[in-house]
């Protein structure tokens, strides 16, 4: 099974100091659940990056938002992030996923503890 899917940048916008949201148009049949993530591949980097053109991102948008997903990240010095921040609407990207799963116990009387860090928990 080929998990690579074509996507298109819808918008890249600042939502807080040093915090960016990128919205990506995905195929209508791209379904995910809360807590999943994707690998996002940029076709070409405008700046050098020793880690390459692919990163893993938590999906920050609702699974009910069909045909589009969003990721949120802090700006930084990497060539990947600099390139992503500068991408214009209509730019093509490739993604794979969704990956991961997070399920709450069916027995609601069990205590649950969540630990999270970074902006990706948005």
PDB file of N, CA and C in Angstrom:
ATOM      1  N   UNK A   1       0.842  -1.184   0.000  1.00  0.00           N
ATOM      2  CA  UNK A   1       0.000   0.000   0.000  1.00  0.00           C
ATOM      3  C   UNK A   1       0.886   1.246   0.000  1.00  0.00           C
ATOM      4  N   UNK A   2       0.602   2.168  -0.896  1.00  0.00           N
ATOM      5  CA  UNK A   2       1.352   3.408  -0.989  1.00  0.00           C
ATOM      6  C   UNK A   2       0.662   4.467  -0.129  1.00  0.00           C
ATOM      7  N   UNK A   3       1.344   4.928   0.883  1.00  0.00           N
ATOM      8  CA  UNK A   3       0.742   5.903   1.793  1.00  0.00           C
ATOM      9  C   UNK A   3       1.037   7.343   1.401  1.00  0.00           C
ATOM     10  N   UNK A   4       1.833   7.564   0.344  1.00  0.00           N
ATOM     11  CA  UNK A   4       2.152   8.932  -0.062  1.00  0.00           C
ATOM     12  C   UNK A   4       0.946   9.572  -0.728  1.00  0.00           C
ATOM     13  N   UNK A   5       0.626  10.768  -0.289  1.00  0.00           N
ATOM     14  CA  UNK A   5      -0.521  11.498  -0.824  1.00  0.00           C
ATOM     15  C   UNK A   5      -0.056  12.897  -1.214  1.00  0.00           C
ATOM     16  N   UNK A   6      -0.670  13.425  -2.256  1.00  0.00           N
ATOM     17  CA  UNK A   6      -0.370  14.783  -2.672  1.00  0.00           C
ATOM     18  C   UNK A   6      -1.193  15.759  -1.853  1.00  0.00           C
ATOM     19  N   UNK A   7      -0.571  16.859  -1.505  1.00  0.00           N
ATOM     20  CA  UNK A   7      -1.255  17.919  -0.784  1.00  0.00           C
ATOM     21  C   UNK A   7      -0.923  19.263  -1.395  1.00  0.00           C
ATOM     22  N   UNK A   8      -1.701  20.254  -1.025  1.00  0.00           N
ATOM     23  CA  UNK A   8      -1.492  21.612  -1.512  1.00  0.00           C
ATOM     24  C   UNK A   8      -1.595  22.569  -0.336  1.00  0.00           C
ATOM     25  N   UNK A   9      -0.641  23.471  -0.225  1.00  0.00           N
ATOM     26  CA  UNK A   9      -0.680  24.464   0.844  1.00  0.00           C
ATOM     27  C   UNK A   9      -1.867  25.399   0.602  1.00  0.00           C
ATOM     28  N   UNK A  10      -2.724  25.513   1.608  1.00  0.00           N
ATOM     29  CA  UNK A  10      -3.868  26.421   1.555  1.00  0.00           C
ATOM     30  C   UNK A  10      -3.457  27.769   2.138  1.00  0.00           C
ATOM     31  N   UNK A  11      -2.795  27.721   3.290  1.00  0.00           N
ATOM     32  CA  UNK A  11      -2.351  28.955   3.936  1.00  0.00           C
ATOM     33  C   UNK A  11      -1.238  28.640   4.923  1.00  0.00           C
ATOM     34  N   UNK A  12      -0.421  29.647   5.169  1.00  0.00           N
ATOM     35  CA  UNK A  12       0.597  29.611   6.221  1.00  0.00           C
ATOM     36  C   UNK A  12       0.458  30.941   6.934  1.00  0.00           C
ATOM     37  N   UNK A  13       0.083  30.880   8.224  1.00  0.00           N
ATOM     38  CA  UNK A  13      -0.179  32.143   8.919  1.00  0.00           C
ATOM     39  C   UNK A  13       0.345  32.111  10.344  1.00  0.00           C
ATOM     40  N   UNK A  14       0.733  33.285  10.797  1.00  0.00           N
ATOM     41  CA  UNK A  14       1.187  33.452  12.173  1.00  0.00           C
ATOM     42  C   UNK A  14      -0.037  33.467  13.074  1.00  0.00           C
ATOM     43  N   UNK A  15      -0.042  32.633  14.114  1.00  0.00           N
ATOM     44  CA  UNK A  15      -1.177  32.620  15.041  1.00  0.00           C
ATOM     45  C   UNK A  15      -0.789  33.109  16.435  1.00  0.00           C
ATOM     46  N   UNK A  16       0.504  33.215  16.700  1.00  0.00           N
ATOM     47  CA  UNK A  16       1.015  33.764  17.956  1.00  0.00           C
ATOM     48  C   UNK A  16       2.490  34.087  17.725  1.00  0.00           C
ATOM     49  N   UNK A  17       3.114  34.714  18.683  1.00  0.00           N
ATOM     50  CA  UNK A  17       4.532  35.049  18.561  1.00  0.00           C
ATOM     51  C   UNK A  17       5.335  33.779  18.276  1.00  0.00           C
ATOM     52  N   UNK A  18       6.054  33.762  17.162  1.00  0.00           N
ATOM     53  CA  UNK A  18       6.895  32.631  16.737  1.00  0.00           C
ATOM     54  C   UNK A  18       6.096  31.334  16.520  1.00  0.00           C
ATOM     55  N   UNK A  19       4.797  31.402  16.353  1.00  0.00           N
ATOM     56  CA  UNK A  19       3.967  30.206  16.173  1.00  0.00           C
ATOM     57  C   UNK A  19       3.188  30.327  14.868  1.00  0.00           C
ATOM     58  N   UNK A  20       3.296  29.288  14.050  1.00  0.00           N
ATOM     59  CA  UNK A  20       2.736  29.285  12.705  1.00  0.00           C
ATOM     60  C   UNK A  20       1.754  28.127  12.548  1.00  0.00           C
ATOM     61  N   UNK A  21       0.670  28.380  11.826  1.00  0.00           N
ATOM     62  CA  UNK A  21      -0.238  27.315  11.429  1.00  0.00           C
ATOM     63  C   UNK A  21      -0.157  27.178   9.909  1.00  0.00           C
ATOM     64  N   UNK A  22       0.048  25.958   9.439  1.00  0.00           N
ATOM     65  CA  UNK A  22       0.017  25.667   8.009  1.00  0.00           C
ATOM     66  C   UNK A  22      -1.182  24.776   7.742  1.00  0.00           C
ATOM     67  N   UNK A  23      -2.064  25.234   6.845  1.00  0.00           N
ATOM     68  CA  UNK A  23      -3.228  24.445   6.441  1.00  0.00           C
ATOM     69  C   UNK A  23      -2.902  23.799   5.095  1.00  0.00           C
ATOM     70  N   UNK A  24      -3.243  22.524   4.971  1.00  0.00           N
ATOM     71  CA  UNK A  24      -2.902  21.757   3.778  1.00  0.00           C
ATOM     72  C   UNK A  24      -4.142  21.058   3.248  1.00  0.00           C
ATOM     73  N   UNK A  25      -4.414  21.273   1.971  1.00  0.00           N
ATOM     74  CA  UNK A  25      -5.517  20.565   1.320  1.00  0.00           C
ATOM     75  C   UNK A  25      -5.046  19.136   1.062  1.00  0.00           C
ATOM     76  N   UNK A  26      -5.877  18.179   1.479  1.00  0.00           N
ATOM     77  CA  UNK A  26      -5.572  16.753   1.318  1.00  0.00           C
ATOM     78  C   UNK A  26      -6.727  16.093   0.568  1.00  0.00           C
ATOM     79  N   UNK A  27      -6.524  14.885   0.043  1.00  0.00           N
ATOM     80  CA  UNK A  27      -7.631  14.202  -0.632  1.00  0.00           C
ATOM     81  C   UNK A  27      -8.832  14.040   0.306  1.00  0.00           C
ATOM     82  N   UNK A  28     -10.025  14.103  -0.251  1.00  0.00           N
ATOM     83  CA  UNK A  28     -11.254  13.982   0.540  1.00  0.00           C
ATOM     84  C   UNK A  28     -11.303  12.689   1.344  1.00  0.00           C
ATOM     85  N   UNK A  29     -10.648  11.641   0.845  1.00  0.00           N
ATOM     86  CA  UNK A  29     -10.684  10.352   1.550  1.00  0.00           C
ATOM     87  C   UNK A  29      -9.580  10.214   2.590  1.00  0.00           C
ATOM     88  N   UNK A  30      -8.861  11.305   2.883  1.00  0.00           N
ATOM     89  CA  UNK A  30      -7.830  11.273   3.920  1.00  0.00           C
ATOM     90  C   UNK A  30      -8.522  11.419   5.266  1.00  0.00           C
ATOM     91  N   UNK A  31      -8.601  10.343   6.011  1.00  0.00           N
ATOM     92  CA  UNK A  31      -9.267  10.342   7.311  1.00  0.00           C
ATOM     93  C   UNK A  31      -8.243  10.132   8.416  1.00  0.00           C
ATOM     94  N   UNK A  32      -8.456  10.791   9.533  1.00  0.00           N
ATOM     95  CA  UNK A  32      -7.577  10.631  10.681  1.00  0.00           C
ATOM     96  C   UNK A  32      -8.387  10.799  11.950  1.00  0.00           C
ATOM     97  N   UNK A  33      -7.801  10.373  13.054  1.00  0.00           N
ATOM     98  CA  UNK A  33      -8.429  10.571  14.352  1.00  0.00           C
ATOM     99  C   UNK A  33      -7.548  11.506  15.176  1.00  0.00           C
ATOM    100  N   UNK A  34      -8.150  12.111  16.188  1.00  0.00           N
ATOM    101  CA  UNK A  34      -7.398  13.015  17.061  1.00  0.00           C
ATOM    102  C   UNK A  34      -6.196  12.288  17.643  1.00  0.00           C
ATOM    103  N   UNK A  35      -5.065  12.957  17.673  1.00  0.00           N
ATOM    104  CA  UNK A  35      -3.848  12.388  18.236  1.00  0.00           C
ATOM    105  C   UNK A  35      -2.926  11.769  17.199  1.00  0.00           C
ATOM    106  N   UNK A  36      -3.330  11.736  15.942  1.00  0.00           N
ATOM    107  CA  UNK A  36      -2.466  11.139  14.917  1.00  0.00           C
ATOM    108  C   UNK A  36      -1.514  12.176  14.332  1.00  0.00           C
ATOM    109  N   UNK A  37      -0.533  11.690  13.561  1.00  0.00           N
ATOM    110  CA  UNK A  37       0.469  12.561  12.964  1.00  0.00           C
ATOM    111  C   UNK A  37       0.734  12.160  11.513  1.00  0.00           C
ATOM    112  N   UNK A  38       1.425  13.045  10.815  1.00  0.00           N
ATOM    113  CA  UNK A  38       1.813  12.802   9.429  1.00  0.00           C
ATOM    114  C   UNK A  38       3.312  13.040   9.266  1.00  0.00           C
ATOM    115  N   UNK A  39       3.846  12.551   8.166  1.00  0.00           N
ATOM    116  CA  UNK A  39       5.168  12.942   7.687  1.00  0.00           C
ATOM    117  C   UNK A  39       4.906  13.909   6.546  1.00  0.00           C
ATOM    118  N   UNK A  40       5.493  15.099   6.583  1.00  0.00           N
ATOM    119  CA  UNK A  40       5.293  16.106   5.556  1.00  0.00           C
ATOM    120  C   UNK A  40       6.609  16.332   4.818  1.00  0.00           C
ATOM    121  N   UNK A  41       6.563  16.132   3.500  1.00  0.00           N
ATOM    122  CA  UNK A  41       7.743  16.286   2.658  1.00  0.00           C
ATOM    123  C   UNK A  41       7.593  17.519   1.775  1.00  0.00           C
ATOM    124  N   UNK A  42       8.544  18.416   1.862  1.00  0.00           N
ATOM    125  CA  UNK A  42       8.563  19.598   1.001  1.00  0.00           C
ATOM    126  C   UNK A  42       9.354  19.241  -0.254  1.00  0.00           C
ATOM    127  N   UNK A  43       8.893  19.662  -1.437  1.00  0.00           N
ATOM    128  CA  UNK A  43       9.559  19.230  -2.672  1.00  0.00           C
ATOM    129  C   UNK A  43      10.983  19.757  -2.818  1.00  0.00           C
ATOM    130  N   UNK A  44      11.217  20.942  -2.300  1.00  0.00           N
ATOM    131  CA  UNK A  44      12.534  21.560  -2.427  1.00  0.00           C
ATOM    132  C   UNK A  44      12.724  22.545  -1.282  1.00  0.00           C
ATOM    133  N   UNK A  45      13.911  22.551  -0.696  1.00  0.00           N
ATOM    134  CA  UNK A  45      14.199  23.484   0.392  1.00  0.00           C
ATOM    135  C   UNK A  45      14.858  24.738  -0.171  1.00  0.00           C
ATOM    136  N   UNK A  46      14.454  25.896   0.325  1.00  0.00           N
ATOM    137  CA  UNK A  46      15.065  27.163  -0.077  1.00  0.00           C
ATOM    138  C   UNK A  46      16.344  27.443   0.704  1.00  0.00           C
ATOM    139  N   UNK A  47      16.550  26.693   1.785  1.00  0.00           N
ATOM    140  CA  UNK A  47      17.699  26.891   2.663  1.00  0.00           C
ATOM    141  C   UNK A  47      18.275  25.527   3.011  1.00  0.00           C
ATOM    142  N   UNK A  48      19.568  25.442   3.265  1.00  0.00           N
ATOM    143  CA  UNK A  48      20.149  24.143   3.624  1.00  0.00           C
ATOM    144  C   UNK A  48      19.606  23.618   4.949  1.00  0.00           C
ATOM    145  N   UNK A  49      19.452  22.311   5.028  1.00  0.00           N
ATOM    146  CA  UNK A  49      18.998  21.662   6.251  1.00  0.00           C
ATOM    147  C   UNK A  49      19.604  20.268   6.303  1.00  0.00           C
ATOM    148  N   UNK A  50      20.437  20.029   7.287  1.00  0.00           N
ATOM    149  CA  UNK A  50      21.119  18.731   7.389  1.00  0.00           C
ATOM    150  C   UNK A  50      20.152  17.589   7.641  1.00  0.00           C
ATOM    151  N   UNK A  51      18.957  17.883   8.139  1.00  0.00           N
ATOM    152  CA  UNK A  51      17.959  16.825   8.399  1.00  0.00           C
ATOM    153  C   UNK A  51      17.084  16.536   7.187  1.00  0.00           C
ATOM    154  N   UNK A  52      17.245  17.287   6.109  1.00  0.00           N
ATOM    155  CA  UNK A  52      16.515  16.998   4.888  1.00  0.00           C
ATOM    156  C   UNK A  52      15.174  17.701   4.786  1.00  0.00           C
ATOM    157  N   UNK A  53      14.334  17.197   3.862  1.00  0.00           N
ATOM    158  CA  UNK A  53      13.099  17.884   3.508  1.00  0.00           C
ATOM    159  C   UNK A  53      11.835  17.233   4.073  1.00  0.00           C
ATOM    160  N   UNK A  54      11.976  16.387   5.082  1.00  0.00           N
ATOM    161  CA  UNK A  54      10.823  15.686   5.647  1.00  0.00           C
ATOM    162  C   UNK A  54      10.811  15.807   7.164  1.00  0.00           C
ATOM    163  N   UNK A  55       9.620  16.062   7.722  1.00  0.00           N
ATOM    164  CA  UNK A  55       9.452  16.119   9.172  1.00  0.00           C
ATOM    165  C   UNK A  55       8.125  15.473   9.561  1.00  0.00           C
ATOM    166  N   UNK A  56       8.058  15.067  10.807  1.00  0.00           N
ATOM    167  CA  UNK A  56       6.859  14.493  11.398  1.00  0.00           C
ATOM    168  C   UNK A  56       6.111  15.613  12.125  1.00  0.00           C
ATOM    169  N   UNK A  57       4.764  15.673  11.928  1.00  0.00           N
ATOM    170  CA  UNK A  57       3.964  16.709  12.556  1.00  0.00           C
ATOM    171  C   UNK A  57       2.679  16.128  13.129  1.00  0.00           C
ATOM    172  N   UNK A  58       2.331  16.547  14.318  1.00  0.00           N
ATOM    173  CA  UNK A  58       1.021  16.219  14.876  1.00  0.00           C
ATOM    174  C   UNK A  58      -0.027  17.007  14.111  1.00  0.00           C
ATOM    175  N   UNK A  59      -1.146  16.374  13.833  1.00  0.00           N
ATOM    176  CA  UNK A  59      -2.245  17.063  13.167  1.00  0.00           C
ATOM    177  C   UNK A  59      -2.999  17.858  14.234  1.00  0.00           C
ATOM    178  N   UNK A  60      -3.145  19.157  14.025  1.00  0.00           N
ATOM    179  CA  UNK A  60      -3.776  19.996  15.043  1.00  0.00           C
ATOM    180  C   UNK A  60      -5.242  20.309  14.743  1.00  0.00           C
ATOM    181  N   UNK A  61      -5.708  19.978  13.564  1.00  0.00           N
ATOM    182  CA  UNK A  61      -7.093  20.286  13.203  1.00  0.00           C
ATOM    183  C   UNK A  61      -8.030  19.144  13.568  1.00  0.00           C
ATOM    184  N   UNK A  62      -9.313  19.437  13.510  1.00  0.00           N
ATOM    185  CA  UNK A  62     -10.337  18.446  13.833  1.00  0.00           C
ATOM    186  C   UNK A  62     -10.459  17.399  12.734  1.00  0.00           C
ATOM    187  N   UNK A  63     -10.666  16.135  13.105  1.00  0.00           N
ATOM    188  CA  UNK A  63     -10.911  15.103  12.101  1.00  0.00           C
ATOM    189  C   UNK A  63     -12.187  15.341  11.299  1.00  0.00           C
ATOM    190  N   UNK A  64     -13.054  16.199  11.792  1.00  0.00           N
ATOM    191  CA  UNK A  64     -14.298  16.506  11.076  1.00  0.00           C
ATOM    192  C   UNK A  64     -14.093  17.496   9.930  1.00  0.00           C
ATOM    193  N   UNK A  65     -12.942  18.075   9.850  1.00  0.00           N
ATOM    194  CA  UNK A  65     -12.610  19.050   8.806  1.00  0.00           C
ATOM    195  C   UNK A  65     -12.100  18.289   7.580  1.00  0.00           C
ATOM    196  N   UNK A  66     -13.011  17.831   6.741  1.00  0.00           N
ATOM    197  CA  UNK A  66     -12.668  16.978   5.606  1.00  0.00           C
ATOM    198  C   UNK A  66     -11.957  17.762   4.504  1.00  0.00           C
ATOM    199  N   UNK A  67     -10.977  17.118   3.893  1.00  0.00           N
ATOM    200  CA  UNK A  67     -10.280  17.708   2.766  1.00  0.00           C
ATOM    201  C   UNK A  67      -9.192  18.690   3.132  1.00  0.00           C
ATOM    202  N   UNK A  68      -8.966  18.892   4.430  1.00  0.00           N
ATOM    203  CA  UNK A  68      -7.940  19.832   4.862  1.00  0.00           C
ATOM    204  C   UNK A  68      -7.450  19.441   6.250  1.00  0.00           C
ATOM    205  N   UNK A  69      -6.172  19.631   6.497  1.00  0.00           N
ATOM    206  CA  UNK A  69      -5.635  19.439   7.846  1.00  0.00           C
ATOM    207  C   UNK A  69      -4.706  20.588   8.159  1.00  0.00           C
ATOM    208  N   UNK A  70      -4.401  20.756   9.421  1.00  0.00           N
ATOM    209  CA  UNK A  70      -3.498  21.825   9.844  1.00  0.00           C
ATOM    210  C   UNK A  70      -2.437  21.267  10.765  1.00  0.00           C
ATOM    211  N   UNK A  71      -1.271  21.899  10.708  1.00  0.00           N
ATOM    212  CA  UNK A  71      -0.197  21.625  11.660  1.00  0.00           C
ATOM    213  C   UNK A  71       0.194  22.961  12.278  1.00  0.00           C
ATOM    214  N   UNK A  72       0.697  22.923  13.483  1.00  0.00           N
ATOM    215  CA  UNK A  72       1.136  24.135  14.171  1.00  0.00           C
ATOM    216  C   UNK A  72       2.568  23.905  14.641  1.00  0.00           C
ATOM    217  N   UNK A  73       3.407  24.927  14.456  1.00  0.00           N
ATOM    218  CA  UNK A  73       4.808  24.786  14.851  1.00  0.00           C
ATOM    219  C   UNK A  73       5.404  26.139  15.202  1.00  0.00           C
ATOM    220  N   UNK A  74       6.475  26.093  15.952  1.00  0.00           N
ATOM    221  CA  UNK A  74       7.226  27.304  16.274  1.00  0.00           C
ATOM    222  C   UNK A  74       8.256  27.539  15.178  1.00  0.00           C
ATOM    223  N   UNK A  75       8.475  28.796  14.860  1.00  0.00           N
ATOM    224  CA  UNK A  75       9.497  29.119  13.872  1.00  0.00           C
ATOM    225  C   UNK A  75      10.857  28.761  14.450  1.00  0.00           C
ATOM    226  N   UNK A  76      11.814  28.564  13.599  1.00  0.00           N
ATOM    227  CA  UNK A  76      13.142  28.203  14.062  1.00  0.00           C
ATOM    228  C   UNK A  76      14.160  28.379  12.960  1.00  0.00           C
ATOM    229  N   UNK A  77      15.410  28.045  13.255  1.00  0.00           N
ATOM    230  CA  UNK A  77      16.487  28.287  12.302  1.00  0.00           C
ATOM    231  C   UNK A  77      16.633  27.217  11.209  1.00  0.00           C
ATOM    232  N   UNK A  78      15.881  26.131  11.288  1.00  0.00           N
ATOM    233  CA  UNK A  78      16.086  25.059  10.305  1.00  0.00           C
ATOM    234  C   UNK A  78      15.657  25.511   8.913  1.00  0.00           C
ATOM    235  N   UNK A  79      16.363  25.019   7.912  1.00  0.00           N
ATOM    236  CA  UNK A  79      16.012  25.310   6.531  1.00  0.00           C
ATOM    237  C   UNK A  79      14.631  24.809   6.184  1.00  0.00           C
ATOM    238  N   UNK A  80      14.240  23.692   6.784  1.00  0.00           N
ATOM    239  CA  UNK A  80      12.904  23.134   6.552  1.00  0.00           C
ATOM    240  C   UNK A  80      11.825  24.107   7.021  1.00  0.00           C
ATOM    241  N   UNK A  81      11.915  24.558   8.263  1.00  0.00           N
ATOM    242  CA  UNK A  81      10.895  25.466   8.797  1.00  0.00           C
ATOM    243  C   UNK A  81      10.887  26.799   8.060  1.00  0.00           C
ATOM    244  N   UNK A  82      12.059  27.332   7.748  1.00  0.00           N
ATOM    245  CA  UNK A  82      12.125  28.589   7.005  1.00  0.00           C
ATOM    246  C   UNK A  82      11.420  28.445   5.654  1.00  0.00           C
ATOM    247  N   UNK A  83      11.654  27.327   4.978  1.00  0.00           N
ATOM    248  CA  UNK A  83      11.011  27.081   3.689  1.00  0.00           C
ATOM    249  C   UNK A  83       9.503  26.958   3.857  1.00  0.00           C
ATOM    250  N   UNK A  84       9.059  26.204   4.858  1.00  0.00           N
ATOM    251  CA  UNK A  84       7.634  26.004   5.077  1.00  0.00           C
ATOM    252  C   UNK A  84       6.929  27.329   5.362  1.00  0.00           C
ATOM    253  N   UNK A  85       7.541  28.181   6.163  1.00  0.00           N
ATOM    254  CA  UNK A  85       6.951  29.484   6.490  1.00  0.00           C
ATOM    255  C   UNK A  85       6.765  30.330   5.227  1.00  0.00           C
ATOM    256  N   UNK A  86       7.651  30.182   4.267  1.00  0.00           N
ATOM    257  CA  UNK A  86       7.603  30.997   3.054  1.00  0.00           C
ATOM    258  C   UNK A  86       6.749  30.396   1.932  1.00  0.00           C
ATOM    259  N   UNK A  87       6.185  29.215   2.138  1.00  0.00           N
ATOM    260  CA  UNK A  87       5.432  28.568   1.060  1.00  0.00           C
ATOM    261  C   UNK A  87       4.143  29.331   0.766  1.00  0.00           C
ATOM    262  N   UNK A  88       3.896  29.531  -0.509  1.00  0.00           N
ATOM    263  CA  UNK A  88       2.708  30.269  -0.955  1.00  0.00           C
ATOM    264  C   UNK A  88       1.530  29.321  -1.114  1.00  0.00           C
ATOM    265  N   UNK A  89       0.318  29.841  -0.962  1.00  0.00           N
ATOM    266  CA  UNK A  89      -0.856  29.020  -1.261  1.00  0.00           C
ATOM    267  C   UNK A  89      -0.740  28.441  -2.664  1.00  0.00           C
ATOM    268  N   UNK A  90      -1.113  27.180  -2.790  1.00  0.00           N
ATOM    269  CA  UNK A  90      -1.013  26.483  -4.069  1.00  0.00           C
ATOM    270  C   UNK A  90       0.257  25.657  -4.205  1.00  0.00           C
ATOM    271  N   UNK A  91       1.229  25.865  -3.296  1.00  0.00           N
ATOM    272  CA  UNK A  91       2.464  25.074  -3.347  1.00  0.00           C
ATOM    273  C   UNK A  91       2.149  23.609  -3.077  1.00  0.00           C
ATOM    274  N   UNK A  92       2.825  22.732  -3.794  1.00  0.00           N
ATOM    275  CA  UNK A  92       2.604  21.295  -3.654  1.00  0.00           C
ATOM    276  C   UNK A  92       3.501  20.713  -2.569  1.00  0.00           C
ATOM    277  N   UNK A  93       2.962  19.771  -1.808  1.00  0.00           N
ATOM    278  CA  UNK A  93       3.704  19.018  -0.792  1.00  0.00           C
ATOM    279  C   UNK A  93       3.275  17.561  -0.903  1.00  0.00           C
ATOM    280  N   UNK A  94       4.002  16.696  -0.246  1.00  0.00           N
ATOM    281  CA  UNK A  94       3.643  15.284  -0.174  1.00  0.00           C
ATOM    282  C   UNK A  94       3.569  14.900   1.284  1.00  0.00           C
ATOM    283  N   UNK A  95       2.582  14.093   1.628  1.00  0.00           N
ATOM    284  CA  UNK A  95       2.475  13.655   3.017  1.00  0.00           C
ATOM    285  C   UNK A  95       2.202  12.164   3.054  1.00  0.00           C
ATOM    286  N   UNK A  96       2.525  11.566   4.167  1.00  0.00           N
ATOM    287  CA  UNK A  96       2.166  10.170   4.380  1.00  0.00           C
ATOM    288  C   UNK A  96       1.583  10.042   5.770  1.00  0.00           C
ATOM    289  N   UNK A  97       0.718   9.071   5.901  1.00  0.00           N
ATOM    290  CA  UNK A  97       0.036   8.863   7.161  1.00  0.00           C
ATOM    291  C   UNK A  97      -1.438   8.747   6.918  1.00  0.00           C
ATOM    292  N   UNK A  98      -2.209   8.886   7.912  1.00  0.00           N
ATOM    293  CA  UNK A  98      -1.849   9.236   9.287  1.00  0.00           C
ATOM    294  C   UNK A  98      -1.258   8.041  10.024  1.00  0.00           C
ATOM    295  N   UNK A  99      -0.506   8.353  11.061  1.00  0.00           N
ATOM    296  CA  UNK A  99       0.135   7.342  11.890  1.00  0.00           C
ATOM    297  C   UNK A  99      -0.253   7.553  13.355  1.00  0.00           C
ATOM    298  N   UNK A 100      -0.080   6.508  14.133  1.00  0.00           N
ATOM    299  CA  UNK A 100      -0.304   6.583  15.573  1.00  0.00           C
ATOM    300  C   UNK A 100      -1.755   6.399  15.945  1.00  0.00           C
ATOM    301  N   UNK A 101      -1.928   6.130  17.225  1.00  0.00           N
ATOM    302  CA  UNK A 101      -3.286   6.029  17.750  1.00  0.00           C
ATOM    303  C   UNK A 101      -3.254   6.348  19.241  1.00  0.00           C
ATOM    304  N   UNK A 102      -4.323   6.916  19.686  1.00  0.00           N
ATOM    305  CA  UNK A 102      -4.451   7.239  21.097  1.00  0.00           C
ATOM    306  C   UNK A 102      -5.908   6.972  21.459  1.00  0.00           C
ATOM    307  N   UNK A 103      -6.122   6.051  22.337  1.00  0.00           N
ATOM    308  CA  UNK A 103      -7.481   5.712  22.724  1.00  0.00           C
ATOM    309  C   UNK A 103      -7.631   5.806  24.234  1.00  0.00           C
ATOM    310  N   UNK A 104      -8.734   6.365  24.656  1.00  0.00           N
ATOM    311  CA  UNK A 104      -9.034   6.419  26.080  1.00  0.00           C
ATOM    312  C   UNK A 104      -9.656   5.090  26.497  1.00  0.00           C
ATOM    313  N   UNK A 105      -9.461   4.690  27.748  1.00  0.00           N
ATOM    314  CA  UNK A 105     -10.072   3.439  28.202  1.00  0.00           C
ATOM    315  C   UNK A 105     -11.601   3.543  28.182  1.00  0.00           C
ATOM    316  N   UNK A 106     -12.243   2.435  27.830  1.00  0.00           N
ATOM    317  CA  UNK A 106     -13.709   2.422  27.816  1.00  0.00           C
ATOM    318  C   UNK A 106     -14.281   2.610  29.218  1.00  0.00           C
ATOM    319  N   UNK A 107     -13.577   2.108  30.217  1.00  0.00           N
ATOM    320  CA  UNK A 107     -14.011   2.254  31.607  1.00  0.00           C
ATOM    321  C   UNK A 107     -13.650   3.669  32.068  1.00  0.00           C
ATOM    322  N   UNK A 108     -14.623   4.554  32.115  1.00  0.00           N
ATOM    323  CA  UNK A 108     -14.380   5.955  32.443  1.00  0.00           C
ATOM    324  C   UNK A 108     -14.036   6.187  33.905  1.00  0.00           C
ATOM    325  N   UNK A 109     -14.142   5.161  34.739  1.00  0.00           N
ATOM    326  CA  UNK A 109     -13.791   5.333  36.145  1.00  0.00           C
ATOM    327  C   UNK A 109     -12.279   5.206  36.368  1.00  0.00           C
ATOM    328  N   UNK A 110     -11.535   4.733  35.359  1.00  0.00           N
ATOM    329  CA  UNK A 110     -10.083   4.618  35.478  1.00  0.00           C
ATOM    330  C   UNK A 110      -9.436   6.000  35.373  1.00  0.00           C
ATOM    331  N   UNK A 111      -8.469   6.303  36.232  1.00  0.00           N
ATOM    332  CA  UNK A 111      -7.791   7.597  36.130  1.00  0.00           C
ATOM    333  C   UNK A 111      -6.899   7.618  34.881  1.00  0.00           C
ATOM    334  N   UNK A 112      -6.805   8.773  34.257  1.00  0.00           N
ATOM    335  CA  UNK A 112      -5.990   8.958  33.067  1.00  0.00           C
ATOM    336  C   UNK A 112      -5.079  10.150  33.295  1.00  0.00           C
ATOM    337  N   UNK A 113      -3.815  10.012  32.944  1.00  0.00           N
ATOM    338  CA  UNK A 113      -2.851  11.097  33.073  1.00  0.00           C
ATOM    339  C   UNK A 113      -2.276  11.375  31.683  1.00  0.00           C
ATOM    340  N   UNK A 114      -2.228  12.639  31.298  1.00  0.00           N
ATOM    341  CA  UNK A 114      -1.653  13.030  30.021  1.00  0.00           C
ATOM    342  C   UNK A 114      -0.408  13.877  30.290  1.00  0.00           C
ATOM    343  N   UNK A 115       0.670  13.578  29.590  1.00  0.00           N
ATOM    344  CA  UNK A 115       1.877  14.392  29.635  1.00  0.00           C
ATOM    345  C   UNK A 115       2.142  14.851  28.212  1.00  0.00           C
ATOM    346  N   UNK A 116       2.333  16.131  28.030  1.00  0.00           N
ATOM    347  CA  UNK A 116       2.568  16.671  26.689  1.00  0.00           C
ATOM    348  C   UNK A 116       3.493  17.853  26.784  1.00  0.00           C
ATOM    349  N   UNK A 117       4.170  18.119  25.713  1.00  0.00           N
ATOM    350  CA  UNK A 117       5.067  19.257  25.692  1.00  0.00           C
ATOM    351  C   UNK A 117       5.196  19.803  24.309  1.00  0.00           C
ATOM    352  N   UNK A 118       5.664  21.018  24.218  1.00  0.00           N
ATOM    353  CA  UNK A 118       5.872  21.638  22.922  1.00  0.00           C
ATOM    354  C   UNK A 118       4.579  22.171  22.341  1.00  0.00           C
ATOM    355  N   UNK A 119       4.717  22.866  21.252  1.00  0.00           N
ATOM    356  CA  UNK A 119       3.565  23.491  20.613  1.00  0.00           C
ATOM    357  C   UNK A 119       2.710  22.465  19.883  1.00  0.00           C
ATOM    358  N   UNK A 120       3.236  21.304  19.591  1.00  0.00           N
ATOM    359  CA  UNK A 120       2.489  20.295  18.829  1.00  0.00           C
ATOM    360  C   UNK A 120       1.246  19.795  19.572  1.00  0.00           C
ATOM    361  N   UNK A 121       1.153  20.059  20.845  1.00  0.00           N
ATOM    362  CA  UNK A 121      -0.037  19.621  21.581  1.00  0.00           C
ATOM    363  C   UNK A 121      -1.234  20.507  21.256  1.00  0.00           C
ATOM    364  N   UNK A 122      -1.010  21.574  20.508  1.00  0.00           N
ATOM    365  CA  UNK A 122      -2.114  22.473  20.145  1.00  0.00           C
ATOM    366  C   UNK A 122      -3.148  21.722  19.350  1.00  0.00           C
TER     367      UNK A 122
END
